Amino acid sequence: MHELSVTQSVLEIALTHAERAGAKRVLVIDLVIGELASILDDSVQFYWDMIAKGTPAEGALLRFTRLPLELRCSECGRVFSPDADRYGCPNCSSSHVRVSQGEELRVESIEVE
């Protein structure tokens, strides 16, 4: 259900930027979503179709770019994609790792007319 609040935020961002640009319509919105963000593309699209109705963003194309999870080892600095059953560093075997990519949720770009 948090996709609804995310989608509302995306709509607000798009409409604010379109208004500032003096645009009549929002055509395309590029979204970047990390693997750990727990956001479903289909749910965002579903809510978008409902809440954008009657706004300059109605009918805008939502394009989703997914970023895979990447971890950074705190010991040796290596950045790696973890295995499904192993999150330790493949270089030094340290379990002291931090997420370096995969939690993102952002509007990358907005195309307007």
C-alpha atoms as a PDB file:
ATOM      1  CA  MET A   1       0.000   0.000   0.000  1.00  0.00           C
ATOM      2  CA  HIS A   2       2.940   2.384   0.410  1.00  0.00           C
ATOM      3  CA  GLU A   3       3.088   2.506  -3.383  1.00  0.00           C
ATOM      4  CA  LEU A   4       0.123   4.899  -3.214  1.00  0.00           C
ATOM      5  CA  SER A   5       2.021   7.451  -1.121  1.00  0.00           C
ATOM      6  CA  VAL A   6       5.109   7.019  -3.321  1.00  0.00           C
ATOM      7  CA  THR A   7       3.000   7.552  -6.434  1.00  0.00           C
ATOM      8  CA  GLN A   8       1.382  10.649  -4.914  1.00  0.00           C
ATOM      9  CA  SER A   9       4.849  12.058  -4.217  1.00  0.00           C
ATOM     10  CA  VAL A  10       5.971  11.358  -7.789  1.00  0.00           C
ATOM     11  CA  LEU A  11       2.875  13.120  -9.114  1.00  0.00           C
ATOM     12  CA  GLU A  12       3.500  16.149  -6.885  1.00  0.00           C
ATOM     13  CA  ILE A  13       7.118  16.331  -8.047  1.00  0.00           C
ATOM     14  CA  ALA A  14       6.130  16.032 -11.712  1.00  0.00           C
ATOM     15  CA  LEU A  15       3.387  18.654 -11.479  1.00  0.00           C
ATOM     16  CA  THR A  16       5.593  21.085  -9.562  1.00  0.00           C
ATOM     17  CA  HIS A  17       8.383  20.827 -12.122  1.00  0.00           C
ATOM     18  CA  ALA A  18       5.969  21.055 -15.051  1.00  0.00           C
ATOM     19  CA  GLU A  19       4.425  24.208 -13.600  1.00  0.00           C
ATOM     20  CA  ARG A  20       7.844  25.777 -13.011  1.00  0.00           C
ATOM     21  CA  ALA A  21       8.775  25.020 -16.620  1.00  0.00           C
ATOM     22  CA  GLY A  22       5.513  26.467 -17.923  1.00  0.00           C
ATOM     23  CA  ALA A  23       4.656  23.107 -19.463  1.00  0.00           C
ATOM     24  CA  LYS A  24       1.157  22.077 -20.493  1.00  0.00           C
ATOM     25  CA  ARG A  25       1.655  18.339 -20.117  1.00  0.00           C
ATOM     26  CA  VAL A  26       3.925  15.789 -18.487  1.00  0.00           C
ATOM     27  CA  LEU A  27       4.876  13.197 -21.099  1.00  0.00           C
ATOM     28  CA  VAL A  28       7.416  10.837 -19.483  1.00  0.00           C
ATOM     29  CA  ILE A  29       8.728  10.243 -15.981  1.00  0.00           C
ATOM     30  CA  ASP A  30      11.836   8.138 -15.429  1.00  0.00           C
ATOM     31  CA  LEU A  31      11.972   6.463 -12.031  1.00  0.00           C
ATOM     32  CA  VAL A  32      14.996   4.736 -10.514  1.00  0.00           C
ATOM     33  CA  ILE A  33      14.146   2.084  -7.936  1.00  0.00           C
ATOM     34  CA  GLY A  34      16.590  -0.021  -5.970  1.00  0.00           C
ATOM     35  CA  GLU A  35      16.058  -3.720  -5.339  1.00  0.00           C
ATOM     36  CA  LEU A  36      15.552  -3.129  -1.597  1.00  0.00           C
ATOM     37  CA  ALA A  37      13.003  -0.326  -2.037  1.00  0.00           C
ATOM     38  CA  SER A  38      10.097  -2.818  -2.017  1.00  0.00           C
ATOM     39  CA  ILE A  39       8.205  -0.897  -4.696  1.00  0.00           C
ATOM     40  CA  LEU A  40       6.214  -2.790  -7.323  1.00  0.00           C
ATOM     41  CA  ASP A  41       6.166  -1.229 -10.798  1.00  0.00           C
ATOM     42  CA  ASP A  42       2.661  -2.529 -11.534  1.00  0.00           C
ATOM     43  CA  SER A  43       1.273  -1.042  -8.320  1.00  0.00           C
ATOM     44  CA  VAL A  44       2.827   2.354  -9.030  1.00  0.00           C
ATOM     45  CA  GLN A  45       1.388   2.253 -12.558  1.00  0.00           C
ATOM     46  CA  PHE A  46      -2.039   1.249 -11.224  1.00  0.00           C
ATOM     47  CA  TYR A  47      -2.139   4.116  -8.735  1.00  0.00           C
ATOM     48  CA  TRP A  48      -0.696   6.528 -11.312  1.00  0.00           C
ATOM     49  CA  ASP A  49      -3.519   5.820 -13.733  1.00  0.00           C
ATOM     50  CA  MET A  50      -6.028   6.667 -10.973  1.00  0.00           C
ATOM     51  CA  ILE A  51      -4.495   9.734  -9.335  1.00  0.00           C
ATOM     52  CA  ALA A  52      -3.084  11.457 -12.420  1.00  0.00           C
ATOM     53  CA  LYS A  53      -6.531  11.581 -14.054  1.00  0.00           C
ATOM     54  CA  GLY A  54      -7.560  15.147 -14.804  1.00  0.00           C
ATOM     55  CA  THR A  55      -4.062  16.547 -14.234  1.00  0.00           C
ATOM     56  CA  PRO A  56      -1.422  17.641 -16.769  1.00  0.00           C
ATOM     57  CA  ALA A  57       0.283  14.306 -16.009  1.00  0.00           C
ATOM     58  CA  GLU A  58      -2.639  12.155 -17.134  1.00  0.00           C
ATOM     59  CA  GLY A  59      -1.415   9.584 -19.647  1.00  0.00           C
ATOM     60  CA  ALA A  60       2.273  10.213 -18.895  1.00  0.00           C
ATOM     61  CA  LEU A  61       4.535   7.240 -19.507  1.00  0.00           C
ATOM     62  CA  LEU A  62       6.262   5.899 -16.403  1.00  0.00           C
ATOM     63  CA  ARG A  63       9.609   4.251 -17.164  1.00  0.00           C
ATOM     64  CA  PHE A  64      11.170   2.149 -14.436  1.00  0.00           C
ATOM     65  CA  THR A  65      14.883   1.476 -14.070  1.00  0.00           C
ATOM     66  CA  ARG A  66      15.772  -1.146 -11.478  1.00  0.00           C
ATOM     67  CA  LEU A  67      19.096  -1.060  -9.639  1.00  0.00           C
ATOM     68  CA  PRO A  68      20.448  -4.319  -8.198  1.00  0.00           C
ATOM     69  CA  LEU A  69      21.710  -4.619  -4.656  1.00  0.00           C
ATOM     70  CA  GLU A  70      25.408  -3.857  -4.229  1.00  0.00           C
ATOM     71  CA  LEU A  71      27.356  -4.003  -0.987  1.00  0.00           C
ATOM     72  CA  ARG A  72      30.633  -2.350   0.015  1.00  0.00           C
ATOM     73  CA  CYS A  73      33.000  -4.145   2.351  1.00  0.00           C
ATOM     74  CA  SER A  74      33.999  -1.972   5.318  1.00  0.00           C
ATOM     75  CA  GLU A  75      37.288  -3.870   5.653  1.00  0.00           C
ATOM     76  CA  CYS A  76      38.747  -3.918   2.124  1.00  0.00           C
ATOM     77  CA  GLY A  77      36.426  -1.524   0.245  1.00  0.00           C
ATOM     78  CA  ARG A  78      35.349  -3.999  -2.426  1.00  0.00           C
ATOM     79  CA  VAL A  79      31.923  -3.384  -3.974  1.00  0.00           C
ATOM     80  CA  PHE A  80      30.059  -6.557  -4.896  1.00  0.00           C
ATOM     81  CA  SER A  81      26.666  -8.067  -5.607  1.00  0.00           C
ATOM     82  CA  PRO A  82      25.811 -10.602  -2.922  1.00  0.00           C
ATOM     83  CA  ASP A  83      24.824 -14.183  -3.597  1.00  0.00           C
ATOM     84  CA  ALA A  84      21.335 -15.240  -2.558  1.00  0.00           C
ATOM     85  CA  ASP A  85      22.701 -17.112   0.456  1.00  0.00           C
ATOM     86  CA  ARG A  86      25.921 -15.184   1.166  1.00  0.00           C
ATOM     87  CA  TYR A  87      26.366 -11.520   2.029  1.00  0.00           C
ATOM     88  CA  GLY A  88      29.999 -11.653   3.157  1.00  0.00           C
ATOM     89  CA  CYS A  89      32.763 -10.067   1.129  1.00  0.00           C
ATOM     90  CA  PRO A  90      34.045 -12.422  -1.572  1.00  0.00           C
ATOM     91  CA  ASN A  91      37.467 -10.757  -1.374  1.00  0.00           C
ATOM     92  CA  CYS A  92      38.280 -10.882   2.355  1.00  0.00           C
ATOM     93  CA  SER A  93      35.305 -12.831   3.823  1.00  0.00           C
ATOM     94  CA  SER A  94      34.396  -9.953   6.151  1.00  0.00           C
ATOM     95  CA  SER A  95      30.774  -9.718   7.229  1.00  0.00           C
ATOM     96  CA  HIS A  96      31.128  -5.951   7.840  1.00  0.00           C
ATOM     97  CA  VAL A  97      29.355  -4.651   4.758  1.00  0.00           C
ATOM     98  CA  ARG A  98      27.126  -1.696   3.919  1.00  0.00           C
ATOM     99  CA  VAL A  99      24.587  -1.176   1.169  1.00  0.00           C
ATOM    100  CA  SER A 100      26.125   0.986  -1.544  1.00  0.00           C
ATOM    101  CA  GLN A 101      23.297   0.593  -4.071  1.00  0.00           C
ATOM    102  CA  GLY A 102      19.817  -0.823  -3.997  1.00  0.00           C
ATOM    103  CA  GLU A 103      17.840   1.429  -1.648  1.00  0.00           C
ATOM    104  CA  GLU A 104      17.236   4.197  -4.202  1.00  0.00           C
ATOM    105  CA  LEU A 105      13.865   5.625  -5.054  1.00  0.00           C
ATOM    106  CA  ARG A 106      14.038   8.776  -7.134  1.00  0.00           C
ATOM    107  CA  VAL A 107      12.623  10.649 -10.067  1.00  0.00           C
ATOM    108  CA  GLU A 108      15.505  10.651 -12.535  1.00  0.00           C
ATOM    109  CA  SER A 109      13.933  12.858 -15.193  1.00  0.00           C
ATOM    110  CA  ILE A 110      10.670  14.395 -16.344  1.00  0.00           C
ATOM    111  CA  GLU A 111       9.828  15.082 -19.965  1.00  0.00           C
ATOM    112  CA  VAL A 112       7.236  17.807 -20.548  1.00  0.00           C
ATOM    113  CA  GLU A 113       5.498  19.504 -23.457  1.00  0.00           C
END
